Amino acid sequence: MPPDPVTARARISERNRQRVLKCWADPAYRRRMLSMLKRTHADPAYRRRMSRAIKAKWHDPLYRRRLSRISKARWADPRYRRRISLRRKTMWTDPEYRRRAGQLRKKVWADPTYRRRLLKVRIEAWRRWRATDAWKYIAKPNKLERSVQKALNRWFPGEWRYNKGVVVLDSLVPDFVNVNGRKTLIEVHGDYWHRNDPVTRKTRRYARLGFKCIVVWEREFKKNPDILRKRVVAALQRGAK
């Protein structure tokens, strides 16, 4: 019986991955490779050539389908997801890495052309996604959001609804929206995934459209869930005046 080509490719891929990890464990090799990569990427001609090559690949539907299949196969493997999650968490525990990542993000967002282009791409992707039924199955509340929804149903019956991607404001999707005509929103921020989110920038964007945004953090809600009720009552009272 001939060997399964998918299994054979997986074995080869794992063998190559172990070989690369062994090489990168050598500090001298790592320094030499990083120095070479920095010199290469500092060349504008190289960056232009790579940009043209990547764009040409993405114009090929066959290449996109093949890459999509590979990505789905990887993320279907629990071991791969755990490995990526552990790697990202380890990287974010390094203060120097967080500082460099923050500086790079600020530098990129300082370019208005980049901001306009990225916003246009996101809006087009969002419209294509919303045109399908996929959002009905993907937009589901996590454990924290389910707890918040139960608390809101207990304190304010029929007043708040989890937003399944239906309400989009300035390309932002709030977590909870008021269903009784009050222009008030609730954003629930997890301590890990939202630790670097610019909360004030998001609330200002909502305010420009006339919406008040209540922000509650995971640590606050777990320590004292009643803090959310007080903030909602205060926001609704201000809106009634």
C-alpha atoms as a PDB file:
ATOM      1  CA  MET A   1       0.000   0.000   0.000  1.00  0.00           C
ATOM      2  CA  PRO A   2       1.569   3.359  -1.008  1.00  0.00           C
ATOM      3  CA  PRO A   3       2.194   5.840   1.819  1.00  0.00           C
ATOM      4  CA  ASP A   4      -0.299   8.634   2.385  1.00  0.00           C
ATOM      5  CA  PRO A   5       1.155  11.812   0.752  1.00  0.00           C
ATOM      6  CA  VAL A   6      -0.437  14.057   3.406  1.00  0.00           C
ATOM      7  CA  THR A   7       1.116  12.056   6.245  1.00  0.00           C
ATOM      8  CA  ALA A   8       4.468  11.987   4.459  1.00  0.00           C
ATOM      9  CA  ARG A   9       4.423  15.782   4.007  1.00  0.00           C
ATOM     10  CA  ALA A  10       3.523  16.210   7.675  1.00  0.00           C
ATOM     11  CA  ARG A  11       6.493  14.070   8.738  1.00  0.00           C
ATOM     12  CA  ILE A  12       8.858  16.002   6.480  1.00  0.00           C
ATOM     13  CA  SER A  13       7.494  19.312   7.746  1.00  0.00           C
ATOM     14  CA  GLU A  14       7.962  18.250  11.380  1.00  0.00           C
ATOM     15  CA  ARG A  15      11.510  17.015  10.682  1.00  0.00           C
ATOM     16  CA  ASN A  16      12.407  20.320   9.027  1.00  0.00           C
ATOM     17  CA  ARG A  17      10.835  22.269  11.899  1.00  0.00           C
ATOM     18  CA  GLN A  18      12.931  20.369  14.468  1.00  0.00           C
ATOM     19  CA  ARG A  19      16.047  21.000  12.372  1.00  0.00           C
ATOM     20  CA  VAL A  20      15.364  24.752  12.219  1.00  0.00           C
ATOM     21  CA  LEU A  21      14.686  24.887  15.971  1.00  0.00           C
ATOM     22  CA  LYS A  22      17.980  23.142  16.639  1.00  0.00           C
ATOM     23  CA  CYS A  23      19.820  25.706  14.490  1.00  0.00           C
ATOM     24  CA  TRP A  24      18.114  28.663  16.181  1.00  0.00           C
ATOM     25  CA  ALA A  25      19.052  27.315  19.593  1.00  0.00           C
ATOM     26  CA  ASP A  26      22.650  28.270  18.745  1.00  0.00           C
ATOM     27  CA  PRO A  27      23.154  31.973  19.772  1.00  0.00           C
ATOM     28  CA  ALA A  28      25.953  32.495  17.226  1.00  0.00           C
ATOM     29  CA  TYR A  29      23.782  31.174  14.376  1.00  0.00           C
ATOM     30  CA  ARG A  30      20.873  33.304  15.519  1.00  0.00           C
ATOM     31  CA  ARG A  31      22.970  36.486  15.627  1.00  0.00           C
ATOM     32  CA  ARG A  32      24.447  35.770  12.194  1.00  0.00           C
ATOM     33  CA  MET A  33      21.038  35.112  10.612  1.00  0.00           C
ATOM     34  CA  LEU A  34      19.416  38.175  12.206  1.00  0.00           C
ATOM     35  CA  SER A  35      22.263  40.396  11.009  1.00  0.00           C
ATOM     36  CA  MET A  36      21.926  39.034   7.468  1.00  0.00           C
ATOM     37  CA  LEU A  37      18.125  39.464   7.473  1.00  0.00           C
ATOM     38  CA  LYS A  38      18.396  43.063   8.682  1.00  0.00           C
ATOM     39  CA  ARG A  39      20.857  43.931   5.909  1.00  0.00           C
ATOM     40  CA  THR A  40      18.641  42.247   3.306  1.00  0.00           C
ATOM     41  CA  HIS A  41      15.418  43.949   4.395  1.00  0.00           C
ATOM     42  CA  ALA A  42      17.151  47.322   4.577  1.00  0.00           C
ATOM     43  CA  ASP A  43      17.590  47.211   0.786  1.00  0.00           C
ATOM     44  CA  PRO A  44      14.683  49.098  -0.905  1.00  0.00           C
ATOM     45  CA  ALA A  45      15.154  47.134  -4.140  1.00  0.00           C
ATOM     46  CA  TYR A  46      14.723  43.851  -2.250  1.00  0.00           C
ATOM     47  CA  ARG A  47      11.547  45.088  -0.549  1.00  0.00           C
ATOM     48  CA  ARG A  48      10.066  46.199  -3.874  1.00  0.00           C
ATOM     49  CA  ARG A  49      10.945  42.867  -5.493  1.00  0.00           C
ATOM     50  CA  MET A  50       9.378  40.883  -2.635  1.00  0.00           C
ATOM     51  CA  SER A  51       6.272  43.081  -2.690  1.00  0.00           C
ATOM     52  CA  ARG A  52       5.766  42.458  -6.423  1.00  0.00           C
ATOM     53  CA  ALA A  53       6.293  38.712  -5.976  1.00  0.00           C
ATOM     54  CA  ILE A  54       3.783  38.462  -3.114  1.00  0.00           C
ATOM     55  CA  LYS A  55       1.182  40.497  -5.024  1.00  0.00           C
ATOM     56  CA  ALA A  56       1.629  38.286  -8.075  1.00  0.00           C
ATOM     57  CA  LYS A  57       1.057  35.177  -5.935  1.00  0.00           C
ATOM     58  CA  TRP A  58      -2.109  36.581  -4.372  1.00  0.00           C
ATOM     59  CA  HIS A  59      -3.560  37.227  -7.833  1.00  0.00           C
ATOM     60  CA  ASP A  60      -3.463  33.468  -8.408  1.00  0.00           C
ATOM     61  CA  PRO A  61      -6.738  31.881  -7.079  1.00  0.00           C
ATOM     62  CA  LEU A  62      -5.077  28.447  -6.963  1.00  0.00           C
ATOM     63  CA  TYR A  63      -2.334  29.765  -4.665  1.00  0.00           C
ATOM     64  CA  ARG A  64      -4.895  31.381  -2.343  1.00  0.00           C
ATOM     65  CA  ARG A  65      -6.973  28.199  -2.137  1.00  0.00           C
ATOM     66  CA  ARG A  66      -3.864  26.095  -1.443  1.00  0.00           C
ATOM     67  CA  LEU A  67      -2.684  28.469   1.282  1.00  0.00           C
ATOM     68  CA  SER A  68      -6.170  28.515   2.817  1.00  0.00           C
ATOM     69  CA  ARG A  69      -6.240  24.692   2.970  1.00  0.00           C
ATOM     70  CA  ILE A  70      -2.814  24.609   4.624  1.00  0.00           C
ATOM     71  CA  SER A  71      -3.844  27.224   7.194  1.00  0.00           C
ATOM     72  CA  LYS A  72      -7.093  25.404   8.034  1.00  0.00           C
ATOM     73  CA  ALA A  73      -5.249  22.095   8.409  1.00  0.00           C
ATOM     74  CA  ARG A  74      -2.739  23.668  10.791  1.00  0.00           C
ATOM     75  CA  TRP A  75      -5.343  25.368  12.977  1.00  0.00           C
ATOM     76  CA  ALA A  76      -7.352  22.141  13.143  1.00  0.00           C
ATOM     77  CA  ASP A  77      -4.439  20.589  15.055  1.00  0.00           C
ATOM     78  CA  PRO A  78      -4.797  21.312  18.837  1.00  0.00           C
ATOM     79  CA  ARG A  79      -1.041  20.868  19.323  1.00  0.00           C
ATOM     80  CA  TYR A  80      -0.310  23.592  16.763  1.00  0.00           C
ATOM     81  CA  ARG A  81      -2.793  25.988  18.424  1.00  0.00           C
ATOM     82  CA  ARG A  82      -1.292  25.362  21.862  1.00  0.00           C
ATOM     83  CA  ARG A  83       2.233  25.878  20.513  1.00  0.00           C
ATOM     84  CA  ILE A  84       1.321  29.198  18.865  1.00  0.00           C
ATOM     85  CA  SER A  85      -0.568  30.384  21.955  1.00  0.00           C
ATOM     86  CA  LEU A  86       2.370  29.553  24.242  1.00  0.00           C
ATOM     87  CA  ARG A  87       4.818  31.259  21.879  1.00  0.00           C
ATOM     88  CA  ARG A  88       2.762  34.470  21.738  1.00  0.00           C
ATOM     89  CA  LYS A  89       2.281  34.574  25.506  1.00  0.00           C
ATOM     90  CA  THR A  90       6.021  34.061  26.028  1.00  0.00           C
ATOM     91  CA  MET A  91       6.838  36.877  23.595  1.00  0.00           C
ATOM     92  CA  TRP A  92       4.476  39.304  25.365  1.00  0.00           C
ATOM     93  CA  THR A  93       6.078  38.625  28.751  1.00  0.00           C
ATOM     94  CA  ASP A  94       9.240  40.300  27.414  1.00  0.00           C
ATOM     95  CA  PRO A  95       9.025  44.083  28.127  1.00  0.00           C
ATOM     96  CA  GLU A  96      11.563  44.850  25.403  1.00  0.00           C
ATOM     97  CA  TYR A  97       9.467  43.003  22.795  1.00  0.00           C
ATOM     98  CA  ARG A  98       6.318  44.854  23.882  1.00  0.00           C
ATOM     99  CA  ARG A  99       8.156  48.181  23.646  1.00  0.00           C
ATOM    100  CA  ARG A 100       9.443  47.433  20.125  1.00  0.00           C
ATOM    101  CA  ALA A 101       6.035  46.193  18.979  1.00  0.00           C
ATOM    102  CA  GLY A 102       4.378  49.328  20.337  1.00  0.00           C
ATOM    103  CA  GLN A 103       6.870  51.627  18.618  1.00  0.00           C
ATOM    104  CA  LEU A 104       6.452  49.793  15.306  1.00  0.00           C
ATOM    105  CA  ARG A 105       2.661  49.981  15.546  1.00  0.00           C
ATOM    106  CA  LYS A 106       2.758  53.717  16.257  1.00  0.00           C
ATOM    107  CA  LYS A 107       5.175  54.310  13.375  1.00  0.00           C
ATOM    108  CA  VAL A 108       2.950  52.425  10.932  1.00  0.00           C
ATOM    109  CA  TRP A 109      -0.246  54.157  12.078  1.00  0.00           C
ATOM    110  CA  ALA A 110       1.433  57.562  11.752  1.00  0.00           C
ATOM    111  CA  ASP A 111       1.184  57.143   7.969  1.00  0.00           C
ATOM    112  CA  PRO A 112      -2.274  58.421   6.847  1.00  0.00           C
ATOM    113  CA  THR A 113      -2.001  56.560   3.523  1.00  0.00           C
ATOM    114  CA  TYR A 114      -1.541  53.272   5.376  1.00  0.00           C
ATOM    115  CA  ARG A 115      -4.509  54.001   7.641  1.00  0.00           C
ATOM    116  CA  ARG A 116      -6.807  54.780   4.712  1.00  0.00           C
ATOM    117  CA  ARG A 117      -5.688  51.700   2.781  1.00  0.00           C
ATOM    118  CA  LEU A 118      -6.094  49.374   5.771  1.00  0.00           C
ATOM    119  CA  LEU A 119      -9.505  50.807   6.627  1.00  0.00           C
ATOM    120  CA  LYS A 120     -10.659  50.317   3.037  1.00  0.00           C
ATOM    121  CA  VAL A 121      -9.454  46.699   3.012  1.00  0.00           C
ATOM    122  CA  ARG A 122     -11.145  45.966   6.344  1.00  0.00           C
ATOM    123  CA  ILE A 123     -14.453  47.487   5.259  1.00  0.00           C
ATOM    124  CA  GLU A 124     -14.436  45.513   1.984  1.00  0.00           C
ATOM    125  CA  ALA A 125     -13.581  42.271   3.821  1.00  0.00           C
ATOM    126  CA  TRP A 126     -16.301  42.962   6.386  1.00  0.00           C
ATOM    127  CA  ARG A 127     -18.909  43.523   3.682  1.00  0.00           C
ATOM    128  CA  ARG A 128     -17.958  40.296   1.906  1.00  0.00           C
ATOM    129  CA  TRP A 129     -18.132  38.386   5.182  1.00  0.00           C
ATOM    130  CA  ARG A 130     -21.466  39.939   6.141  1.00  0.00           C
ATOM    131  CA  ALA A 131     -22.884  38.983   2.730  1.00  0.00           C
ATOM    132  CA  THR A 132     -22.564  35.320   3.734  1.00  0.00           C
ATOM    133  CA  ASP A 133     -24.167  33.394   6.603  1.00  0.00           C
ATOM    134  CA  ALA A 134     -20.788  32.748   8.250  1.00  0.00           C
ATOM    135  CA  TRP A 135     -21.137  35.637  10.721  1.00  0.00           C
ATOM    136  CA  LYS A 136     -24.245  34.001  12.257  1.00  0.00           C
ATOM    137  CA  TYR A 137     -22.129  31.079  13.414  1.00  0.00           C
ATOM    138  CA  ILE A 138     -18.827  32.813  14.158  1.00  0.00           C
ATOM    139  CA  ALA A 139     -20.097  35.755  16.209  1.00  0.00           C
ATOM    140  CA  LYS A 140     -20.747  33.926  19.476  1.00  0.00           C
ATOM    141  CA  PRO A 141     -20.176  35.283  22.993  1.00  0.00           C
ATOM    142  CA  ASN A 142     -17.284  33.909  25.005  1.00  0.00           C
ATOM    143  CA  LYS A 143     -17.539  32.814  28.650  1.00  0.00           C
ATOM    144  CA  LEU A 144     -17.053  36.346  30.038  1.00  0.00           C
ATOM    145  CA  GLU A 145     -19.587  37.850  27.640  1.00  0.00           C
ATOM    146  CA  ARG A 146     -22.128  35.168  28.542  1.00  0.00           C
ATOM    147  CA  SER A 147     -21.723  36.055  32.216  1.00  0.00           C
ATOM    148  CA  VAL A 148     -22.227  39.741  31.397  1.00  0.00           C
ATOM    149  CA  GLN A 149     -25.347  38.944  29.354  1.00  0.00           C
ATOM    150  CA  LYS A 150     -26.859  36.959  32.247  1.00  0.00           C
ATOM    151  CA  ALA A 151     -26.166  39.837  34.627  1.00  0.00           C
ATOM    152  CA  LEU A 152     -27.705  42.384  32.235  1.00  0.00           C
ATOM    153  CA  ASN A 153     -30.798  40.201  31.762  1.00  0.00           C
ATOM    154  CA  ARG A 154     -31.187  40.008  35.539  1.00  0.00           C
ATOM    155  CA  TRP A 155     -30.739  43.740  36.156  1.00  0.00           C
ATOM    156  CA  PHE A 156     -32.260  45.174  32.955  1.00  0.00           C
ATOM    157  CA  PRO A 157     -34.670  42.633  31.372  1.00  0.00           C
ATOM    158  CA  GLY A 158     -35.158  43.177  27.649  1.00  0.00           C
ATOM    159  CA  GLU A 159     -32.788  46.150  27.590  1.00  0.00           C
ATOM    160  CA  TRP A 160     -29.455  44.799  26.265  1.00  0.00           C
ATOM    161  CA  ARG A 161     -28.504  42.376  23.504  1.00  0.00           C
ATOM    162  CA  TYR A 162     -25.226  40.759  22.532  1.00  0.00           C
ATOM    163  CA  ASN A 163     -24.135  42.210  19.196  1.00  0.00           C
ATOM    164  CA  LYS A 164     -23.547  39.411  16.675  1.00  0.00           C
ATOM    165  CA  GLY A 165     -21.859  41.721  14.194  1.00  0.00           C
ATOM    166  CA  VAL A 166     -25.164  43.382  13.318  1.00  0.00           C
ATOM    167  CA  VAL A 167     -24.268  46.879  14.572  1.00  0.00           C
ATOM    168  CA  VAL A 168     -21.051  48.293  13.076  1.00  0.00           C
ATOM    169  CA  LEU A 169     -20.021  51.843  13.987  1.00  0.00           C
ATOM    170  CA  ASP A 170     -17.001  53.422  12.313  1.00  0.00           C
ATOM    171  CA  SER A 171     -15.696  49.889  11.508  1.00  0.00           C
ATOM    172  CA  LEU A 172     -16.005  48.969  15.230  1.00  0.00           C
ATOM    173  CA  VAL A 173     -18.278  46.198  16.539  1.00  0.00           C
ATOM    174  CA  PRO A 174     -19.462  46.841  20.129  1.00  0.00           C
ATOM    175  CA  ASP A 175     -20.104  43.858  22.398  1.00  0.00           C
ATOM    176  CA  PHE A 176     -23.565  44.870  23.672  1.00  0.00           C
ATOM    177  CA  VAL A 177     -26.112  47.356  22.334  1.00  0.00           C
ATOM    178  CA  ASN A 178     -29.224  48.853  23.894  1.00  0.00           C
ATOM    179  CA  VAL A 179     -32.346  47.630  22.082  1.00  0.00           C
ATOM    180  CA  ASN A 180     -34.736  50.314  23.349  1.00  0.00           C
ATOM    181  CA  GLY A 181     -33.489  53.267  21.329  1.00  0.00           C
ATOM    182  CA  ARG A 182     -30.898  54.521  23.819  1.00  0.00           C
ATOM    183  CA  LYS A 183     -27.612  55.262  22.055  1.00  0.00           C
ATOM    184  CA  THR A 184     -25.561  53.416  24.663  1.00  0.00           C
ATOM    185  CA  LEU A 185     -23.053  50.586  24.162  1.00  0.00           C
ATOM    186  CA  ILE A 186     -21.108  48.217  26.410  1.00  0.00           C
ATOM    187  CA  GLU A 187     -17.597  46.986  25.662  1.00  0.00           C
ATOM    188  CA  VAL A 188     -16.300  44.017  27.697  1.00  0.00           C
ATOM    189  CA  HIS A 189     -12.495  43.883  27.703  1.00  0.00           C
ATOM    190  CA  GLY A 190     -10.590  40.747  28.633  1.00  0.00           C
ATOM    191  CA  ASP A 191      -7.452  41.350  30.680  1.00  0.00           C
ATOM    192  CA  TYR A 192      -5.202  39.417  28.258  1.00  0.00           C
ATOM    193  CA  TRP A 193      -6.561  40.049  24.764  1.00  0.00           C
ATOM    194  CA  HIS A 194      -7.428  43.727  25.305  1.00  0.00           C
ATOM    195  CA  ARG A 195      -4.486  44.762  27.484  1.00  0.00           C
ATOM    196  CA  ASN A 196      -3.028  46.942  24.672  1.00  0.00           C
ATOM    197  CA  ASP A 197      -6.305  48.268  23.275  1.00  0.00           C
ATOM    198  CA  PRO A 198      -6.600  52.100  23.132  1.00  0.00           C
ATOM    199  CA  VAL A 199      -9.842  52.297  25.138  1.00  0.00           C
ATOM    200  CA  THR A 200     -10.152  56.089  25.072  1.00  0.00           C
ATOM    201  CA  ARG A 201      -9.651  56.181  21.300  1.00  0.00           C
ATOM    202  CA  LYS A 202     -12.478  53.677  20.833  1.00  0.00           C
ATOM    203  CA  THR A 203     -14.872  55.557  23.124  1.00  0.00           C
ATOM    204  CA  ARG A 204     -14.067  58.827  21.303  1.00  0.00           C
ATOM    205  CA  ARG A 205     -14.915  57.213  17.965  1.00  0.00           C
ATOM    206  CA  TYR A 206     -18.252  56.087  19.366  1.00  0.00           C
ATOM    207  CA  ALA A 207     -18.868  59.534  20.867  1.00  0.00           C
ATOM    208  CA  ARG A 208     -18.367  61.210  17.472  1.00  0.00           C
ATOM    209  CA  LEU A 209     -21.375  59.201  16.266  1.00  0.00           C
ATOM    210  CA  GLY A 210     -23.447  60.175  19.317  1.00  0.00           C
ATOM    211  CA  PHE A 211     -23.062  56.898  21.249  1.00  0.00           C
ATOM    212  CA  LYS A 212     -22.034  56.572  24.893  1.00  0.00           C
ATOM    213  CA  CYS A 213     -19.746  53.599  25.545  1.00  0.00           C
ATOM    214  CA  ILE A 214     -19.494  51.819  28.911  1.00  0.00           C
ATOM    215  CA  VAL A 215     -16.239  49.886  29.316  1.00  0.00           C
ATOM    216  CA  VAL A 216     -15.887  47.121  31.894  1.00  0.00           C
ATOM    217  CA  TRP A 217     -12.718  45.069  32.376  1.00  0.00           C
ATOM    218  CA  GLU A 218     -12.660  41.358  33.132  1.00  0.00           C
ATOM    219  CA  ARG A 219     -10.882  41.855  36.468  1.00  0.00           C
ATOM    220  CA  GLU A 220     -13.421  44.483  37.533  1.00  0.00           C
ATOM    221  CA  PHE A 221     -16.433  42.352  36.657  1.00  0.00           C
ATOM    222  CA  LYS A 222     -15.061  39.226  38.349  1.00  0.00           C
ATOM    223  CA  LYS A 223     -14.170  41.128  41.501  1.00  0.00           C
ATOM    224  CA  ASN A 224     -17.471  43.014  41.752  1.00  0.00           C
ATOM    225  CA  PRO A 225     -20.131  42.388  39.055  1.00  0.00           C
ATOM    226  CA  ASP A 226     -22.292  45.160  40.530  1.00  0.00           C
ATOM    227  CA  ILE A 227     -19.847  47.742  39.156  1.00  0.00           C
ATOM    228  CA  LEU A 228     -21.319  47.154  35.698  1.00  0.00           C
ATOM    229  CA  ARG A 229     -24.863  47.786  36.941  1.00  0.00           C
ATOM    230  CA  LYS A 230     -23.786  51.082  38.549  1.00  0.00           C
ATOM    231  CA  ARG A 231     -22.066  52.266  35.364  1.00  0.00           C
ATOM    232  CA  VAL A 232     -25.060  51.368  33.206  1.00  0.00           C
ATOM    233  CA  VAL A 233     -27.486  53.158  35.551  1.00  0.00           C
ATOM    234  CA  ALA A 234     -25.248  56.246  35.652  1.00  0.00           C
ATOM    235  CA  ALA A 235     -24.934  56.315  31.828  1.00  0.00           C
ATOM    236  CA  LEU A 236     -28.703  55.941  31.310  1.00  0.00           C
ATOM    237  CA  GLN A 237     -29.434  58.667  33.859  1.00  0.00           C
ATOM    238  CA  ARG A 238     -27.027  61.049  32.109  1.00  0.00           C
ATOM    239  CA  GLY A 239     -28.698  60.256  28.810  1.00  0.00           C
ATOM    240  CA  ALA A 240     -32.151  61.010  30.221  1.00  0.00           C
ATOM    241  CA  LYS A 241     -31.174  64.524  31.321  1.00  0.00           C
END
